[in-house]
Amino acid sequence: MQGLNAIFAFSGAALGRRLDPIFNHNYLIEIDGLLTGGFSQVDGLGGSIAVEPVHDGGSLGGARQQLGPTTWNNLVLSHGVVELDTLWNWYEATARGVIKRKNGTIILLDRKQVPVSLWNFKAGIPVVWTGPSLDAGSGQIAVERIEIAHRGLEKPDWIRMATQVRAMIRYGTGKESLW
């Protein structure tokens, strides 16, 4: 619906309300149906579409741009080392040739732990594992990272619709969360 952002901006200014951005520190990660929370950082949520110039014969306007293939960034999940080696076991099995692709979801939460957005990744496979840096003098938490290549991200239609409804309710009521 074109113009919806402008309507929200105008009405929000008139009502003295605004939609504040969601904080990036509150999220869950689910891989193959299991919540694997406790991650301190998620990087790589993104992709890009190649743009290829095409020169048509006889065209004086220069090259036109045609969309090429989409590539997806690898997801990099970081978390403190714990006694459960689930991600290491998945990586090690892959390194030994036992390939098991997994689907997963990254769920962004608001301050009241209500999901506000999510991204599904398809057919993920661990391609890089980085163990913790060990330093007897630092006193820091040991952090490991796993990098997951995947076949694309998607944001389901239902979460997009729910996000729009949530935004309208937040705008109309001025409340942070629906609950």
Protein backbone atom coordinates (compact mmCIF):
# COMPACT_ATOMS: atom_id res chain seq x y z
CA MET A 1 0.00 0.00 0.00
CA GLN A 2 1.79 3.06 -1.24
CA GLY A 3 1.84 6.10 0.99
CA LEU A 4 1.28 4.12 4.20
CA ASN A 5 4.62 5.23 5.66
CA ALA A 6 3.79 8.87 4.95
CA ILE A 7 0.38 8.51 6.61
CA PHE A 8 1.96 6.91 9.69
CA ALA A 9 4.63 9.60 9.87
CA PHE A 10 2.09 12.43 9.58
CA SER A 11 -0.41 10.93 12.04
CA GLY A 12 2.38 9.98 14.45
CA ALA A 13 3.72 13.51 14.46
CA ALA A 14 0.21 14.87 15.03
CA LEU A 15 -0.35 12.47 17.96
CA GLY A 16 3.15 12.95 19.37
CA ARG A 17 3.94 9.27 18.79
CA ARG A 18 6.65 7.45 16.89
CA LEU A 19 7.77 3.93 16.21
CA ASP A 20 11.11 3.48 17.91
CA PRO A 21 13.54 0.95 16.44
CA ILE A 22 13.84 -2.45 18.07
CA PHE A 23 17.00 -3.13 20.09
CA ASN A 24 19.39 -5.69 18.60
CA HIS A 25 20.42 -7.50 21.79
CA ASN A 26 17.35 -9.67 22.42
CA TYR A 27 16.97 -12.67 20.11
CA LEU A 28 16.64 -16.43 19.92
CA ILE A 29 18.08 -18.92 17.47
CA GLU A 30 16.31 -22.14 16.53
CA ILE A 31 18.03 -24.83 14.47
CA ASP A 32 16.02 -27.84 13.31
CA GLY A 33 13.30 -27.21 15.87
CA LEU A 34 15.61 -26.79 18.88
CA LEU A 35 16.14 -23.43 20.55
CA THR A 36 19.88 -22.97 20.69
CA GLY A 37 19.90 -19.67 22.55
CA GLY A 38 22.73 -18.12 24.45
CA PHE A 39 24.43 -16.60 21.44
CA SER A 40 26.20 -13.34 22.11
CA GLN A 41 26.28 -12.22 18.49
CA VAL A 42 24.75 -12.98 15.09
CA ASP A 43 26.34 -11.57 11.94
CA GLY A 44 25.69 -12.12 8.26
CA LEU A 45 21.95 -11.51 8.00
CA GLY A 46 21.98 -10.34 4.43
CA GLY A 47 22.35 -11.00 0.77
CA SER A 48 22.96 -9.19 -2.46
CA ILE A 49 21.69 -9.28 -6.01
CA ALA A 50 24.28 -8.92 -8.73
CA VAL A 51 23.67 -6.22 -11.32
CA GLU A 52 25.02 -6.95 -14.78
CA PRO A 53 25.32 -4.34 -17.53
CA VAL A 54 23.78 -5.40 -20.83
CA HIS A 55 24.78 -3.58 -24.01
CA ASP A 56 22.03 -3.71 -26.60
CA GLY A 57 23.06 -3.20 -30.19
CA GLY A 58 22.03 0.17 -31.57
CA SER A 59 21.10 1.61 -28.19
CA LEU A 60 22.50 5.09 -27.70
CA GLY A 61 21.40 5.30 -24.09
CA GLY A 62 24.25 3.18 -22.83
CA ALA A 63 24.06 -0.14 -21.06
CA ARG A 64 20.91 -1.17 -19.25
CA GLN A 65 21.18 -2.98 -15.97
CA GLN A 66 19.88 -6.50 -15.57
CA LEU A 67 19.55 -8.34 -12.31
CA GLY A 68 21.78 -11.36 -11.91
CA PRO A 69 21.89 -14.09 -9.28
CA THR A 70 21.27 -13.54 -5.58
CA THR A 71 24.03 -14.49 -3.15
CA TRP A 72 23.56 -14.89 0.60
CA ASN A 73 26.02 -13.99 3.32
CA ASN A 74 27.13 -16.77 5.62
CA LEU A 75 25.62 -16.52 9.10
CA VAL A 76 28.18 -16.22 11.89
CA LEU A 77 26.93 -17.28 15.32
CA SER A 78 29.06 -16.52 18.38
CA HIS A 79 28.51 -17.79 21.90
CA GLY A 80 30.29 -18.65 25.10
CA VAL A 81 31.74 -22.15 25.27
CA VAL A 82 29.61 -24.50 27.40
CA GLU A 83 29.70 -28.20 28.17
CA LEU A 84 27.26 -29.06 25.36
CA ASP A 85 29.07 -29.31 22.03
CA THR A 86 26.06 -29.34 19.70
CA LEU A 87 27.47 -26.93 17.12
CA TRP A 88 30.98 -28.44 17.29
CA ASN A 89 29.50 -31.91 16.76
CA TRP A 90 27.59 -30.67 13.70
CA TYR A 91 30.74 -29.04 12.27
CA GLU A 92 32.94 -32.07 13.01
CA ALA A 93 30.45 -34.45 11.37
CA THR A 94 30.38 -32.21 8.29
CA ALA A 95 34.20 -32.17 8.18
CA ARG A 96 34.17 -35.99 8.24
CA GLY A 97 31.75 -36.06 5.29
CA VAL A 98 28.54 -36.69 7.21
CA ILE A 99 26.53 -33.90 5.64
CA LYS A 100 23.32 -32.88 7.39
CA ARG A 101 21.84 -29.60 6.24
CA LYS A 102 19.60 -27.90 8.78
CA ASN A 103 16.97 -25.20 8.61
CA GLY A 104 16.83 -22.53 11.26
CA THR A 105 15.27 -19.32 12.43
CA ILE A 106 16.63 -16.16 14.00
CA ILE A 107 13.92 -14.50 16.09
CA LEU A 108 14.21 -10.85 17.14
CA LEU A 109 12.39 -10.05 20.41
CA ASP A 110 11.23 -6.81 21.96
CA ARG A 111 11.97 -5.78 25.57
CA LYS A 112 9.06 -7.92 26.80
CA GLN A 113 10.36 -11.03 24.98
CA VAL A 114 7.64 -10.81 22.30
CA PRO A 115 8.80 -11.80 18.79
CA VAL A 116 8.84 -8.77 16.48
CA SER A 117 10.63 -10.20 13.45
CA LEU A 118 12.24 -13.40 12.25
CA TRP A 119 14.37 -14.73 9.44
CA ASN A 120 14.36 -18.36 8.32
CA PHE A 121 17.48 -19.79 6.73
CA LYS A 122 17.25 -22.86 4.53
CA ALA A 123 19.58 -25.85 4.24
CA GLY A 124 22.34 -24.50 6.46
CA ILE A 125 25.67 -26.27 6.72
CA PRO A 126 28.63 -25.33 8.95
CA VAL A 127 31.62 -24.24 6.90
CA VAL A 128 33.87 -22.55 9.48
CA TRP A 129 34.32 -23.18 13.18
CA THR A 130 36.54 -20.88 15.23
CA GLY A 131 37.46 -21.88 18.75
CA PRO A 132 38.01 -19.48 21.61
CA SER A 133 41.08 -17.30 22.01
CA LEU A 134 42.76 -18.48 25.19
CA ASP A 135 44.61 -15.96 27.35
CA ALA A 136 45.41 -16.73 30.99
CA GLY A 137 45.64 -13.02 31.81
CA SER A 138 42.38 -11.78 30.29
CA GLY A 139 39.63 -13.18 32.51
CA GLN A 140 37.23 -13.07 29.53
CA ILE A 141 34.57 -15.60 28.54
CA ALA A 142 35.75 -18.21 26.04
CA VAL A 143 33.79 -17.60 22.82
CA GLU A 144 33.43 -19.91 19.84
CA ARG A 145 32.02 -19.04 16.43
CA ILE A 146 30.39 -21.12 13.77
CA GLU A 147 29.81 -19.91 10.24
CA ILE A 148 26.85 -21.37 8.40
CA ALA A 149 26.44 -21.29 4.62
CA HIS A 150 22.80 -21.57 3.56
CA ARG A 151 20.48 -21.49 0.57
CA GLY A 152 18.70 -18.27 1.38
CA LEU A 153 16.84 -16.22 3.94
CA GLU A 154 13.13 -15.64 4.01
CA LYS A 155 10.78 -13.61 6.13
CA PRO A 156 7.42 -15.40 6.15
CA ASP A 157 4.32 -13.47 5.06
CA TRP A 158 2.61 -14.06 8.41
CA ILE A 159 5.42 -12.33 10.33
CA ARG A 160 5.32 -9.39 7.92
CA MET A 161 1.58 -9.05 8.44
CA ALA A 162 1.90 -9.45 12.22
CA THR A 163 4.61 -6.78 12.26
CA GLN A 164 2.39 -4.34 10.37
CA VAL A 165 -0.56 -5.00 12.72
CA ARG A 166 1.75 -4.59 15.72
CA ALA A 167 3.01 -1.28 14.33
CA MET A 168 -0.52 0.03 13.83
CA ILE A 169 -1.50 -0.99 17.37
CA ARG A 170 1.67 0.56 18.82
CA TYR A 171 0.97 3.72 16.87
CA GLY A 172 -2.67 3.86 17.88
CA THR A 173 -2.23 3.05 21.56
CA GLY A 174 1.29 4.32 22.22
CA LYS A 175 2.07 1.01 24.01
CA GLU A 176 5.41 -0.75 23.56
CA SER A 177 3.98 -4.25 23.25
CA LEU A 178 0.70 -6.00 22.59
CA TRP A 179 0.89 -7.90 25.88
